[in-house]
Protein backbone atom coordinates (compact mmCIF):
# COMPACT_ATOMS: atom_id res chain seq x y z
CA MET A 1 21.48 2.76 24.25
CA GLN A 2 17.90 1.51 23.97
CA ASN A 3 17.07 -1.15 21.40
CA PHE A 4 13.63 -1.73 19.89
CA LEU A 5 12.82 -4.80 17.83
CA GLY A 6 10.07 -4.82 15.25
CA VAL A 7 9.51 -6.27 11.79
CA GLY A 8 11.73 -5.00 8.98
CA VAL A 9 9.60 -4.26 5.91
CA SER A 10 11.85 -2.10 3.74
CA PRO A 11 15.67 -2.30 3.80
CA GLY A 12 18.05 0.51 4.54
CA ARG A 13 20.37 1.66 7.33
CA ILE A 14 20.25 5.25 8.46
CA THR A 15 20.86 7.53 11.42
CA GLY A 16 18.83 10.64 12.19
CA THR A 17 16.59 12.40 14.66
CA ILE A 18 12.98 11.40 15.10
CA ARG A 19 9.72 13.29 14.95
CA GLN A 20 6.62 11.73 16.47
CA MET A 21 3.45 11.88 14.40
CA PRO A 22 0.70 13.49 16.51
CA GLY A 23 -2.05 11.12 17.55
CA ALA A 24 -5.65 11.40 16.44
CA LEU A 25 -7.42 14.51 17.69
CA ALA A 26 -10.15 13.91 20.28
CA GLU A 27 -13.60 15.17 19.35
CA PRO A 28 -14.80 18.15 21.43
CA PRO A 29 -17.41 17.08 24.00
CA ALA A 30 -20.91 16.87 22.54
CA GLY A 31 -22.92 19.97 23.37
CA GLU A 32 -19.85 21.89 24.55
CA THR A 33 -20.77 25.55 25.08
CA LEU A 34 -18.81 28.77 25.30
CA ALA A 35 -16.58 29.01 28.34
CA ALA A 36 -17.65 31.41 31.07
CA GLY A 37 -16.52 34.91 30.20
CA THR A 38 -16.03 34.16 26.48
CA SER A 39 -18.31 36.14 24.19
CA PRO A 40 -19.54 34.83 20.84
CA ASP A 41 -17.58 37.61 19.11
CA ALA A 42 -14.35 36.57 20.83
CA ALA A 43 -14.92 32.90 19.98
CA ALA A 44 -15.69 33.77 16.34
CA SER A 45 -12.54 35.88 16.14
CA ALA A 46 -10.46 33.02 17.58
CA LEU A 47 -11.98 30.67 15.02
CA ARG A 48 -11.14 32.97 12.11
CA GLU A 49 -7.57 33.40 13.35
CA ALA A 50 -7.14 29.62 13.72
CA ALA A 51 -8.53 29.06 10.22
CA LYS A 52 -6.15 31.66 8.73
CA ALA A 53 -3.22 30.11 10.59
CA VAL A 54 -4.08 26.69 9.14
CA GLN A 55 -4.41 28.18 5.66
CA SER A 56 -1.04 29.92 5.97
CA GLU A 57 0.74 26.81 7.24
CA LEU A 58 -0.68 24.60 4.47
CA ALA A 59 0.08 27.17 1.78
CA SER A 60 3.65 27.43 3.04
CA ARG A 61 4.08 23.66 2.85
CA ALA A 62 2.51 23.59 -0.62
CA ALA A 63 5.07 26.09 -1.88
CA THR A 64 7.91 23.60 -1.36
CA ALA A 65 6.03 20.30 -1.83
CA ARG A 66 6.43 17.88 -4.75
CA ALA A 67 3.80 18.12 -7.48
CA ASP A 68 1.24 15.57 -6.26
CA ALA A 69 1.42 16.72 -2.63
CA LYS A 70 1.30 20.37 -3.72
CA ALA A 71 -2.19 19.95 -5.21
CA VAL A 72 -3.51 18.25 -2.08
CA LEU A 73 -2.08 20.87 0.25
CA GLU A 74 -3.31 23.77 -1.87
CA ALA A 75 -6.85 22.36 -2.00
CA THR A 76 -6.87 21.84 1.76
CA ALA A 77 -5.52 25.36 2.37
CA VAL A 78 -8.40 26.85 0.38
CA MET A 79 -10.91 24.78 2.33
CA ALA A 80 -9.52 26.08 5.64
CA VAL A 81 -11.05 29.51 5.05
CA ASP A 82 -14.05 28.39 2.99
CA PRO A 83 -16.77 31.02 3.60
CA MET A 84 -19.57 28.47 3.82
CA LEU A 85 -17.71 26.45 6.45
CA ILE A 86 -16.70 29.45 8.57
CA LYS A 87 -20.15 31.08 8.39
CA ALA A 88 -21.83 27.82 9.42
CA ALA A 89 -19.50 27.52 12.41
CA ILE A 90 -20.00 31.15 13.49
CA LYS A 91 -23.76 30.65 13.35
CA LEU A 92 -23.38 27.80 15.83
CA ILE A 93 -21.10 29.94 18.02
CA ASN A 94 -23.79 32.63 18.10
CA GLY A 95 -26.14 29.92 19.27
CA GLY A 96 -23.89 29.22 22.26
CA ALA A 97 -21.55 26.48 21.00
CA SER A 98 -17.82 26.62 21.74
CA ALA A 99 -15.56 27.41 18.79
CA GLU A 100 -14.19 23.85 18.75
CA ARG A 101 -17.64 22.24 18.83
CA ALA A 102 -18.98 24.70 16.27
CA ILE A 103 -16.32 24.00 13.63
CA TRP A 104 -16.60 20.27 14.32
CA ASP A 105 -20.36 20.19 13.70
CA ALA A 106 -20.25 22.69 10.83
CA ALA A 107 -17.65 20.61 9.02
CA GLU A 108 -19.73 17.46 9.53
CA THR A 109 -22.70 19.16 7.87
CA VAL A 110 -20.66 20.58 4.97
CA ALA A 111 -18.93 17.22 4.35
CA ALA A 112 -22.27 15.40 4.26
CA MET A 113 -23.61 17.95 1.79
CA LEU A 114 -20.58 17.50 -0.49
CA VAL A 115 -20.96 13.71 -0.39
CA ASN A 116 -24.58 14.04 -1.45
CA LEU A 117 -23.57 16.24 -4.39
CA GLY A 118 -21.38 13.39 -5.67
CA GLY A 119 -18.54 13.46 -8.20
CA TYR A 120 -15.70 15.93 -7.66
CA MET A 121 -17.55 17.65 -4.81
CA ALA A 122 -17.84 14.37 -2.90
CA GLU A 123 -14.06 13.97 -3.10
CA ARG A 124 -13.65 17.29 -1.26
CA ALA A 125 -15.47 15.97 1.82
CA THR A 126 -12.19 14.47 3.07
CA ASP A 127 -10.53 17.91 2.80
CA VAL A 128 -13.25 19.40 4.99
CA LEU A 129 -12.72 16.83 7.75
CA ASP A 130 -8.94 17.25 7.54
CA VAL A 131 -9.31 21.02 7.89
CA ARG A 132 -11.67 20.55 10.83
CA ALA A 133 -9.06 18.63 12.79
CA ARG A 134 -6.37 21.17 11.95
CA ILE A 135 -8.49 24.14 13.06
CA VAL A 136 -9.42 22.43 16.33
CA ALA A 137 -5.72 21.69 16.94
CA ALA A 138 -4.90 25.35 16.31
CA LEU A 139 -7.62 26.44 18.75
CA ARG A 140 -6.18 24.07 21.37
CA GLY A 141 -2.59 25.06 20.67
CA VAL A 142 -1.52 21.46 20.00
CA PRO A 143 0.25 19.92 16.95
CA ALA A 144 -1.99 19.30 13.98
CA PRO A 145 -2.67 15.68 13.04
CA GLY A 146 -0.74 14.20 10.14
CA ILE A 147 2.91 14.18 9.16
CA PRO A 148 4.84 16.96 10.94
CA SER A 149 6.13 19.87 8.91
CA SER A 150 9.91 20.26 8.94
CA SER A 151 12.62 22.04 6.97
CA THR A 152 15.19 19.37 7.88
CA PRO A 153 15.17 15.58 7.31
CA PHE A 154 13.85 13.34 10.08
CA ILE A 155 12.81 9.78 10.87
CA LEU A 156 9.03 9.58 11.27
CA VAL A 157 7.70 7.59 14.23
CA ALA A 158 3.98 6.84 14.35
CA GLU A 159 1.43 4.26 15.42
CA ASP A 160 0.71 3.55 11.75
CA LEU A 161 0.19 5.47 8.53
CA ALA A 162 -3.01 5.67 6.51
CA PRO A 163 -3.10 5.73 2.69
CA ALA A 164 -4.00 9.44 2.80
CA ASP A 165 -0.69 10.19 4.55
CA THR A 166 1.22 9.38 1.37
CA ALA A 167 0.01 12.61 -0.22
CA THR A 168 2.03 14.80 2.15
CA LEU A 169 4.94 12.45 2.83
CA ASP A 170 8.00 13.95 1.19
CA PRO A 171 10.80 11.33 0.95
CA ALA A 172 13.36 14.12 0.81
CA VAL A 173 12.33 15.10 4.34
CA VAL A 174 11.02 11.85 5.85
CA VAL A 175 14.05 9.56 5.48
CA ALA A 176 12.77 6.47 7.33
CA LEU A 177 9.56 5.15 8.89
CA VAL A 178 9.13 3.37 12.23
CA THR A 179 5.75 2.41 13.68
CA SER A 180 4.61 0.83 16.92
CA GLY A 181 1.64 -0.77 15.14
CA GLY A 182 0.97 -2.20 11.72
CA GLY A 183 2.36 -5.38 10.22
CA PRO A 184 4.36 -6.60 7.21
CA GLN A 185 1.38 -5.98 4.92
CA SER A 186 0.20 -2.72 6.52
CA HIS A 187 -0.15 0.59 4.71
CA THR A 188 3.13 1.75 6.27
CA ALA A 189 4.98 -1.20 4.75
CA ILE A 190 3.49 -0.58 1.33
CA ILE A 191 4.22 3.17 1.50
CA ALA A 192 7.83 2.55 2.56
CA ARG A 193 8.55 0.09 -0.24
CA SER A 194 6.99 2.33 -2.87
CA LEU A 195 9.12 5.28 -1.74
CA GLY A 196 12.28 3.27 -1.09
CA LEU A 197 12.45 4.31 2.58
CA PRO A 198 13.98 2.14 5.34
CA ALA A 199 11.09 1.01 7.54
CA VAL A 200 10.32 -1.00 10.65
CA VAL A 201 6.80 -1.82 11.86
CA ALA A 202 5.36 -3.33 15.05
CA ALA A 203 8.22 -1.93 17.14
CA ALA A 204 6.53 -1.68 20.54
CA GLY A 205 7.60 1.25 22.68
CA VAL A 206 8.95 3.57 20.00
CA ASP A 207 5.98 5.88 20.47
CA HIS A 208 7.42 6.87 23.85
CA LEU A 209 10.67 8.27 22.40
CA ALA A 210 11.04 12.04 22.59
CA ASP A 211 11.15 14.25 19.52
CA GLY A 212 14.74 15.00 18.57
CA THR A 213 16.13 11.68 19.83
CA GLU A 214 18.95 10.46 17.58
CA VAL A 215 18.45 6.87 16.45
CA TYR A 216 19.82 4.23 14.08
CA VAL A 217 17.29 2.32 11.97
CA ASP A 218 17.98 -0.95 10.16
CA GLY A 219 15.03 -1.71 7.91
CA ALA A 220 16.26 -5.18 6.99
CA ALA A 221 16.90 -6.35 10.55
CA GLY A 222 13.79 -4.60 11.89
CA THR A 223 15.62 -2.69 14.63
CA LEU A 224 15.86 0.83 16.04
CA ALA A 225 18.59 1.85 18.47
CA THR A 226 19.04 5.12 20.34
CA GLU A 227 22.43 6.78 20.85
CA PRO A 228 24.07 5.32 17.73
CA GLY A 229 27.82 4.80 17.98
CA ASP A 230 30.66 4.40 15.52
CA THR A 231 29.51 0.94 14.45
CA GLU A 232 26.01 2.12 13.57
CA ARG A 233 27.28 5.23 11.79
CA ALA A 234 29.68 3.11 9.74
CA ALA A 235 26.83 0.75 8.78
CA ALA A 236 24.68 3.70 7.66
CA ALA A 237 27.58 5.12 5.64
CA ALA A 238 28.17 1.73 3.99
CA TRP A 239 24.51 1.49 3.05
CA ALA A 240 24.60 4.92 1.47
CA ALA A 241 27.74 3.99 -0.48
CA ASN A 242 26.17 0.74 -1.76
CA ALA A 243 22.80 2.26 -2.57
CA SER A 244 23.70 2.66 -6.24
CA LEU A 245 24.18 -1.12 -6.54
CA ILE A 246 20.52 -1.75 -5.73
CA SER A 247 18.96 1.31 -7.32
CA VAL A 248 19.38 0.50 -11.01
CA PHE A 249 17.76 -2.51 -12.73
CA ASP A 250 19.00 -3.44 -16.20
CA GLY A 251 15.70 -5.04 -17.19
CA ASN A 252 16.89 -8.66 -17.02
CA GLY A 253 15.73 -10.81 -14.15
CA THR A 254 17.81 -13.99 -14.09
CA THR A 255 19.58 -16.38 -11.76
CA ALA A 256 23.35 -16.93 -11.89
CA ASP A 257 22.93 -19.89 -14.28
CA GLY A 258 20.68 -18.02 -16.70
CA HIS A 259 17.25 -19.18 -15.49
CA LEU A 260 14.88 -16.38 -16.51
CA VAL A 261 12.70 -14.80 -13.82
CA PRO A 262 10.87 -11.82 -15.33
CA LEU A 263 10.64 -9.02 -12.76
CA LEU A 264 7.43 -7.08 -13.17
CA ALA A 265 5.89 -4.05 -11.46
CA ASN A 266 2.76 -3.52 -9.38
CA VAL A 267 1.09 -0.31 -10.56
CA GLY A 268 -2.01 1.71 -9.81
CA GLY A 269 -2.44 3.77 -12.96
CA ALA A 270 -0.68 5.28 -15.95
CA ALA A 271 1.65 7.51 -13.92
CA ASP A 272 2.89 4.49 -11.95
CA ALA A 273 3.30 2.52 -15.17
CA VAL A 274 5.45 5.18 -16.81
CA LYS A 275 7.73 5.27 -13.75
CA ALA A 276 7.90 1.47 -13.65
CA ALA A 277 8.85 1.30 -17.32
CA ALA A 278 11.58 3.87 -16.72
CA ALA A 279 12.84 1.72 -13.83
CA GLY A 280 13.30 -1.23 -16.19
CA ALA A 281 10.29 -3.34 -15.21
CA GLN A 282 9.83 -6.21 -17.66
CA GLY A 283 6.08 -5.71 -17.66
CA VAL A 284 3.22 -5.27 -15.21
CA GLY A 285 2.37 -8.16 -12.92
CA LEU A 286 -0.46 -6.34 -11.16
CA LEU A 287 -2.52 -3.43 -12.45
CA ARG A 288 -4.77 -2.42 -9.57
CA THR A 289 -7.88 -1.20 -11.36
CA GLU A 290 -9.39 0.21 -8.14
CA PHE A 291 -7.75 3.55 -9.00
CA CYS A 292 -10.57 4.01 -11.52
CA PHE A 293 -13.33 3.34 -9.00
CA LEU A 294 -12.28 4.55 -5.54
CA GLU A 295 -13.66 7.80 -4.07
CA ARG A 296 -16.57 7.71 -6.50
CA GLU A 297 -20.29 7.49 -5.82
CA THR A 298 -21.03 5.93 -9.21
CA GLU A 299 -19.39 3.46 -11.56
CA PRO A 300 -16.95 5.09 -14.04
CA SER A 301 -18.13 5.19 -17.63
CA HIS A 302 -16.87 2.82 -20.31
CA GLN A 303 -14.79 5.54 -21.93
CA GLU A 304 -13.27 6.67 -18.62
CA GLN A 305 -12.12 3.12 -17.96
CA VAL A 306 -10.80 2.62 -21.49
CA GLU A 307 -8.64 5.74 -21.28
CA ALA A 308 -7.33 4.84 -17.82
CA TYR A 309 -6.29 1.31 -18.81
CA ARG A 310 -4.87 2.33 -22.18
CA GLY A 311 -2.46 4.69 -20.45
CA VAL A 312 -0.92 1.67 -18.71
CA PHE A 313 -0.89 -0.52 -21.82
CA ASP A 314 0.84 2.21 -23.83
CA ALA A 315 3.64 2.39 -21.25
CA PHE A 316 4.58 -1.25 -21.94
CA PRO A 317 4.41 -1.86 -25.71
CA GLY A 318 5.05 -5.49 -26.57
CA LYS A 319 5.23 -6.50 -22.90
CA LYS A 320 2.91 -8.36 -20.56
CA VAL A 321 0.41 -6.37 -18.52
CA VAL A 322 -1.63 -8.36 -15.99
CA VAL A 323 -4.87 -6.59 -15.10
CA ARG A 324 -6.63 -7.42 -11.85
CA THR A 325 -10.34 -6.79 -12.10
CA LEU A 326 -11.94 -4.62 -9.46
CA ASP A 327 -11.02 -5.76 -5.94
CA ALA A 328 -13.76 -3.88 -4.09
CA GLY A 329 -14.81 -4.71 -0.55
CA ALA A 330 -13.03 -5.14 2.80
CA ASP A 331 -10.62 -2.16 3.08
CA LYS A 332 -11.75 -0.82 -0.33
CA PRO A 333 -15.53 -0.25 0.01
CA LEU A 334 -17.48 1.29 -2.87
CA PRO A 335 -20.91 2.84 -2.20
CA PHE A 336 -22.35 1.59 -5.50
CA LEU A 337 -21.03 -1.96 -5.17
CA THR A 338 -20.34 -3.14 -1.61
CA ASP A 339 -22.38 -3.42 1.57
CA ALA A 340 -20.85 -1.33 4.35
CA SER A 341 -23.01 -3.09 6.96
CA GLU A 342 -21.36 -6.50 6.50
CA PRO A 343 -20.25 -7.80 9.91
CA ASN A 344 -16.95 -9.16 8.53
CA PRO A 345 -16.06 -7.47 5.22
CA ALA A 346 -12.74 -9.33 4.78
CA LEU A 347 -14.74 -12.55 4.57
CA GLY A 348 -17.68 -11.03 2.77
CA VAL A 349 -18.64 -9.96 -0.72
CA ARG A 350 -15.39 -8.67 -2.21
CA GLY A 351 -13.47 -9.06 -5.44
CA TYR A 352 -15.02 -11.51 -7.91
CA ARG A 353 -17.87 -12.16 -5.47
CA THR A 354 -19.38 -8.73 -6.10
CA ASP A 355 -20.62 -10.04 -9.44
CA THR A 356 -23.13 -12.20 -7.56
CA THR A 357 -24.70 -9.22 -5.78
CA SER A 358 -24.15 -6.52 -8.41
CA PRO A 359 -24.07 -8.29 -11.78
CA GLY A 360 -22.93 -6.24 -14.73
CA VAL A 361 -20.10 -4.20 -13.20
CA LEU A 362 -17.50 -6.91 -13.87
CA GLU A 363 -18.84 -7.59 -17.36
CA ARG A 364 -18.63 -3.89 -18.22
CA GLN A 365 -15.11 -3.66 -16.82
CA LEU A 366 -13.95 -6.59 -18.95
CA ALA A 367 -15.45 -4.92 -22.02
CA ALA A 368 -13.51 -1.73 -21.21
CA ILE A 369 -10.27 -3.65 -20.73
CA ALA A 370 -10.78 -5.39 -24.08
CA ASP A 371 -11.44 -2.09 -25.86
CA ALA A 372 -8.42 -0.48 -24.18
CA ALA A 373 -6.22 -3.34 -25.40
CA THR A 374 -7.37 -2.86 -28.99
CA GLY A 375 -4.80 -0.92 -30.95
CA THR A 376 -2.01 -1.42 -28.42
CA THR A 377 0.80 -3.96 -28.60
CA ALA A 378 0.73 -4.79 -24.89
CA ASP A 379 0.20 -8.47 -24.08
CA VAL A 380 -2.89 -8.12 -21.88
CA TRP A 381 -3.71 -10.80 -19.31
CA VAL A 382 -6.67 -10.51 -16.93
CA MET A 383 -7.19 -12.06 -13.50
CA ALA A 384 -9.98 -12.09 -10.95
CA PRO A 385 -9.38 -11.58 -7.22
CA MET A 386 -10.94 -13.74 -4.48
CA ILE A 387 -11.48 -16.89 -6.55
CA SER A 388 -12.22 -19.82 -4.23
CA THR A 389 -13.44 -22.68 -6.44
CA PRO A 390 -12.92 -24.21 -9.91
CA ALA A 391 -16.50 -23.24 -10.80
CA GLU A 392 -15.75 -19.57 -10.12
CA ALA A 393 -12.59 -19.81 -12.21
CA ALA A 394 -14.54 -21.36 -15.09
CA ASP A 395 -17.21 -18.66 -14.89
CA PHE A 396 -14.62 -15.88 -14.97
CA ALA A 397 -12.82 -17.50 -17.92
CA ALA A 398 -16.10 -17.64 -19.83
CA MET A 399 -16.74 -13.94 -19.12
CA CYS A 400 -13.27 -13.10 -20.44
CA ARG A 401 -13.79 -15.09 -23.61
CA ALA A 402 -17.14 -13.37 -24.17
CA ALA A 403 -15.36 -10.00 -23.90
CA GLY A 404 -12.65 -11.08 -26.34
CA LEU A 405 -9.89 -11.40 -23.72
CA LYS A 406 -7.76 -14.44 -24.47
CA VAL A 407 -5.66 -14.92 -21.33
CA PRO A 408 -7.84 -15.29 -18.21
CA GLY A 409 -6.32 -16.08 -14.83
CA VAL A 410 -6.99 -16.04 -11.11
CA MET A 411 -5.53 -14.54 -7.99
CA VAL A 412 -4.62 -17.17 -5.40
CA GLU A 413 -5.45 -15.42 -2.13
CA VAL A 414 -7.91 -17.84 -0.59
CA PRO A 415 -6.29 -21.02 0.82
CA SER A 416 -8.91 -23.17 -0.95
CA ALA A 417 -7.59 -21.91 -4.30
CA ALA A 418 -4.07 -23.06 -3.42
CA VAL A 419 -5.27 -26.46 -2.24
CA THR A 420 -7.34 -27.00 -5.41
CA ALA A 421 -4.89 -25.27 -7.77
CA GLU A 422 -4.80 -28.21 -10.16
CA SER A 423 -8.55 -28.03 -10.78
CA ILE A 424 -8.65 -24.24 -10.88
CA LEU A 425 -5.76 -24.01 -13.33
CA GLY A 426 -7.56 -26.47 -15.55
CA GLN A 427 -10.07 -23.66 -16.17
CA VAL A 428 -7.74 -20.67 -16.71
CA GLU A 429 -4.36 -19.86 -18.22
CA PHE A 430 -2.36 -18.65 -15.21
CA ALA A 431 -2.39 -17.88 -11.50
CA SER A 432 -0.87 -15.08 -9.47
CA LEU A 433 -0.28 -15.48 -5.75
CA GLY A 434 -1.49 -12.49 -3.74
CA THR A 435 0.64 -13.20 -0.69
CA ASN A 436 -0.78 -10.30 1.34
CA ASP A 437 -4.28 -11.75 1.54
CA LEU A 438 -3.12 -15.36 1.29
CA THR A 439 -1.13 -14.86 4.49
CA GLN A 440 -4.01 -13.05 6.18
CA TYR A 441 -6.48 -15.80 5.38
CA ALA A 442 -4.14 -18.73 5.99
CA MET A 443 -3.18 -17.42 9.44
CA ALA A 444 -6.59 -15.90 10.30
CA ALA A 445 -4.78 -12.66 11.18
CA ASP A 446 -5.88 -9.16 10.14
CA ARG A 447 -2.94 -7.79 8.20
CA GLN A 448 -3.43 -4.27 9.61
CA LEU A 449 -3.05 -5.32 13.25
CA GLY A 450 0.40 -4.78 14.74
CA SER A 451 -0.46 -7.17 17.57
CA LEU A 452 -0.72 -9.98 14.98
CA ALA A 453 2.36 -9.04 12.96
CA ALA A 454 4.13 -12.25 14.00
CA LEU A 455 1.32 -14.32 12.47
CA ASN A 456 0.84 -12.08 9.47
CA ASN A 457 4.23 -12.87 7.99
CA PRO A 458 4.70 -14.29 4.47
CA TRP A 459 7.63 -16.36 5.79
CA GLN A 460 5.14 -18.49 7.70
CA PRO A 461 5.85 -22.13 6.76
CA ALA A 462 2.12 -22.65 6.16
CA VAL A 463 2.13 -19.87 3.55
CA LEU A 464 5.23 -21.29 1.86
CA GLN A 465 3.46 -24.66 1.69
CA LEU A 466 0.46 -23.02 0.00
CA VAL A 467 2.83 -21.52 -2.57
CA ARG A 468 4.33 -24.98 -3.13
CA LEU A 469 0.85 -26.52 -3.55
CA THR A 470 -0.15 -23.87 -6.09
CA VAL A 471 2.96 -24.46 -8.19
CA ALA A 472 2.46 -28.24 -7.93
CA GLY A 473 -1.11 -27.82 -9.20
CA SER A 474 0.13 -25.74 -12.11
CA VAL A 475 2.26 -28.56 -13.50
CA ALA A 476 0.00 -31.52 -12.61
CA GLU A 477 -1.77 -33.34 -15.41
CA GLY A 478 0.27 -31.43 -17.96
CA ASN A 479 -1.31 -28.07 -17.09
CA GLY A 480 2.02 -26.27 -17.42
CA LYS A 481 0.43 -22.97 -16.43
CA PRO A 482 2.61 -20.10 -15.14
CA VAL A 483 2.33 -19.07 -11.50
CA GLY A 484 3.56 -15.64 -10.47
CA VAL A 485 3.66 -13.69 -7.22
CA CYS A 486 2.34 -10.14 -7.05
CA GLY A 487 2.11 -9.69 -3.28
CA GLU A 488 4.55 -7.68 -1.19
CA ALA A 489 6.52 -10.89 -0.51
CA ALA A 490 8.06 -10.60 -3.98
CA ALA A 491 9.83 -7.39 -2.93
CA ASP A 492 11.82 -9.18 -0.20
CA PRO A 493 15.07 -10.25 -1.93
CA ALA A 494 15.57 -13.28 0.33
CA LEU A 495 11.99 -14.43 -0.01
CA ALA A 496 12.18 -13.85 -3.76
CA VAL A 497 14.94 -16.48 -3.93
CA VAL A 498 12.75 -18.92 -1.98
CA LEU A 499 9.77 -18.25 -4.25
CA VAL A 500 11.86 -18.92 -7.36
CA GLY A 501 13.14 -22.08 -5.71
CA LEU A 502 9.53 -23.17 -5.14
CA GLY A 503 8.87 -22.84 -8.87
CA VAL A 504 7.30 -19.40 -9.16
CA SER A 505 7.83 -18.12 -12.71
CA THR A 506 7.53 -14.33 -12.32
CA LEU A 507 7.81 -11.81 -9.49
CA SER A 508 5.91 -8.52 -9.39
CA MET A 509 6.67 -5.74 -6.92
CA THR A 510 6.96 -2.02 -6.40
CA ALA A 511 9.33 -0.61 -9.01
CA ARG A 512 11.81 0.54 -6.36
CA SER A 513 12.42 -3.07 -5.30
CA LEU A 514 13.33 -4.39 -8.75
CA ALA A 515 17.06 -3.65 -8.57
CA GLY A 516 17.57 -5.17 -5.12
CA VAL A 517 15.70 -8.36 -5.98
CA ALA A 518 17.58 -8.67 -9.29
CA ALA A 519 20.94 -8.17 -7.59
CA VAL A 520 20.31 -11.01 -5.14
CA LEU A 521 18.76 -13.41 -7.67
CA SER A 522 21.80 -13.01 -9.91
CA THR A 523 24.05 -14.51 -7.22
CA VAL A 524 22.32 -17.91 -6.97
CA THR A 525 21.68 -20.71 -9.42
CA LEU A 526 18.23 -22.23 -9.80
CA LYS A 527 19.43 -25.36 -7.99
CA GLU A 528 20.73 -23.28 -5.09
CA ALA A 529 17.41 -21.42 -4.91
CA GLN A 530 15.61 -24.77 -4.77
CA GLU A 531 17.87 -25.94 -1.94
CA ILE A 532 17.26 -22.73 0.00
CA ALA A 533 13.51 -23.10 -0.53
CA THR A 534 13.64 -26.64 0.82
CA LEU A 535 15.36 -25.42 3.97
CA SER A 536 12.72 -22.74 4.55
CA LEU A 537 9.89 -25.21 3.93
CA ARG A 538 11.21 -27.41 6.74
CA ALA A 539 11.27 -24.56 9.25
CA THR A 540 8.85 -24.52 12.16
CA SER A 541 8.52 -20.73 12.42
CA PRO A 542 8.69 -17.72 10.09
CA GLU A 543 11.77 -16.45 11.91
CA GLN A 544 13.56 -19.74 11.34
CA ALA A 545 12.47 -19.90 7.70
CA ARG A 546 13.82 -16.40 7.09
CA GLU A 547 17.08 -16.98 8.97
CA LEU A 548 17.80 -20.27 7.18
CA ALA A 549 17.41 -18.53 3.82
CA ARG A 550 19.40 -15.43 4.75
CA THR A 551 22.28 -17.52 6.09
CA LYS A 552 22.70 -18.97 2.59
CA LEU A 553 22.65 -15.51 1.01
CA PRO A 554 25.67 -13.54 2.28
CA VAL A 555 25.09 -10.94 -0.43
CA LEU A 556 22.16 -9.63 1.62
CA ALA A 557 24.44 -8.42 4.40
CA GLU A 558 26.90 -7.00 1.89
CA LEU A 559 24.19 -4.91 0.27
CA GLY A 560 22.34 -4.10 3.49
CA LEU A 561 19.18 -5.85 2.30
């Protein structure tokens, strides 16, 4: 038996065989020409056959895919045999280029043209580049990039997953995720939690395991073991038997002694909101408004924004919906708003700061949010990301008031906001801790880097102290302002107990995590949560902080969380 230790980011115990996700495809050598003895006609024929094979494979997958993935796969299948793309490549082949180099360059040209056209056509540029890689793989006779196709369930092993991989990830087939890279806040972690899949990240060495190897994965412990025995199989069976206990949330977040802790959902649009409401979420603690802006060359119109936001508000009548204004920049660049040439985008003009370089976008967004709220019964709160100073908080609050929005707040992601929480909360009505970025900035560790996963851990004592400082600032001088958490940390049942013990008033997470967090919170009193939080605060490492808390929560082991 081989054992691999990583970071557990989504609970679950399961056995199964693995499939390795093919690595990125290498670009054909620049200027590569036809091989000796290969005629242009033969190369063109090989290209057409490869394109048809890609189309057939994607169409076959689309036929059995879930609705959202089906549309993506069908669009990509059509692009695989697009006449303009194939003709452009054959023209290059006739000029002496190899089939691989020809399709590579032709796709680059077509993608650039689509981007310049803007709108819907610009969104298809990604399909062209995806098809390019698939056709080159077919020409080489190697696996296509992306999630492997399979008719039987498997455990996916990869270096890391990109947001685009979610479109073709079928949770009925991919039953667990294990990566050698990434960290607790990586895309893989977020994908796994949203789909309810057991997941381990930063598990060095797993990329060397052979396809078909049987393994046991424990997403809570952060381990993968080969050659599972009776003990591991029994643990997986117990998890499956207990799954129902942490899959249904009754809509009441509370501790054992009746202390109310509203459990809210993080959503990225109306479809997410409808699912979250059905899962029992007590409101929305984070509406990511980027869904309205991403993959666009121009700012969405007022009416487009109003309709998008109203769909979320209508899903939660009479309940709180916290809207985060546009968090553009860093890993979410927008061509009409952010500067792609910034040397360090994570520390550059992002979030609220974009209003200083592109004034008007934020003001127009607030007007759209206010109009969307009109006529609904949702209790709409609005917060700005990347607030660093009391002056910024005051400016944002004034903008909200001018738009007719009565409950302005701030995201606490920058350490300076936590340290000066008392002054900042004197300007607004609430704060929400974005623990993903707060951890990244506090520890000076890129949250996407697997090599820094140990630093980029929300259990870091320094991060817990920043949470404590924020809560302390919220009650100082009679502020009495609520402080919630909307980062991924809220989805960790053990850490949720610590956060409540530190004085956090609400927790917002992916809807799939609601039941597990509620089940654990219901086993402790507020006083016990405070005692557990004190223990974790005194720890000298994230591992110790986590272990001290988990030791006091035996229910975690019972439920496999």
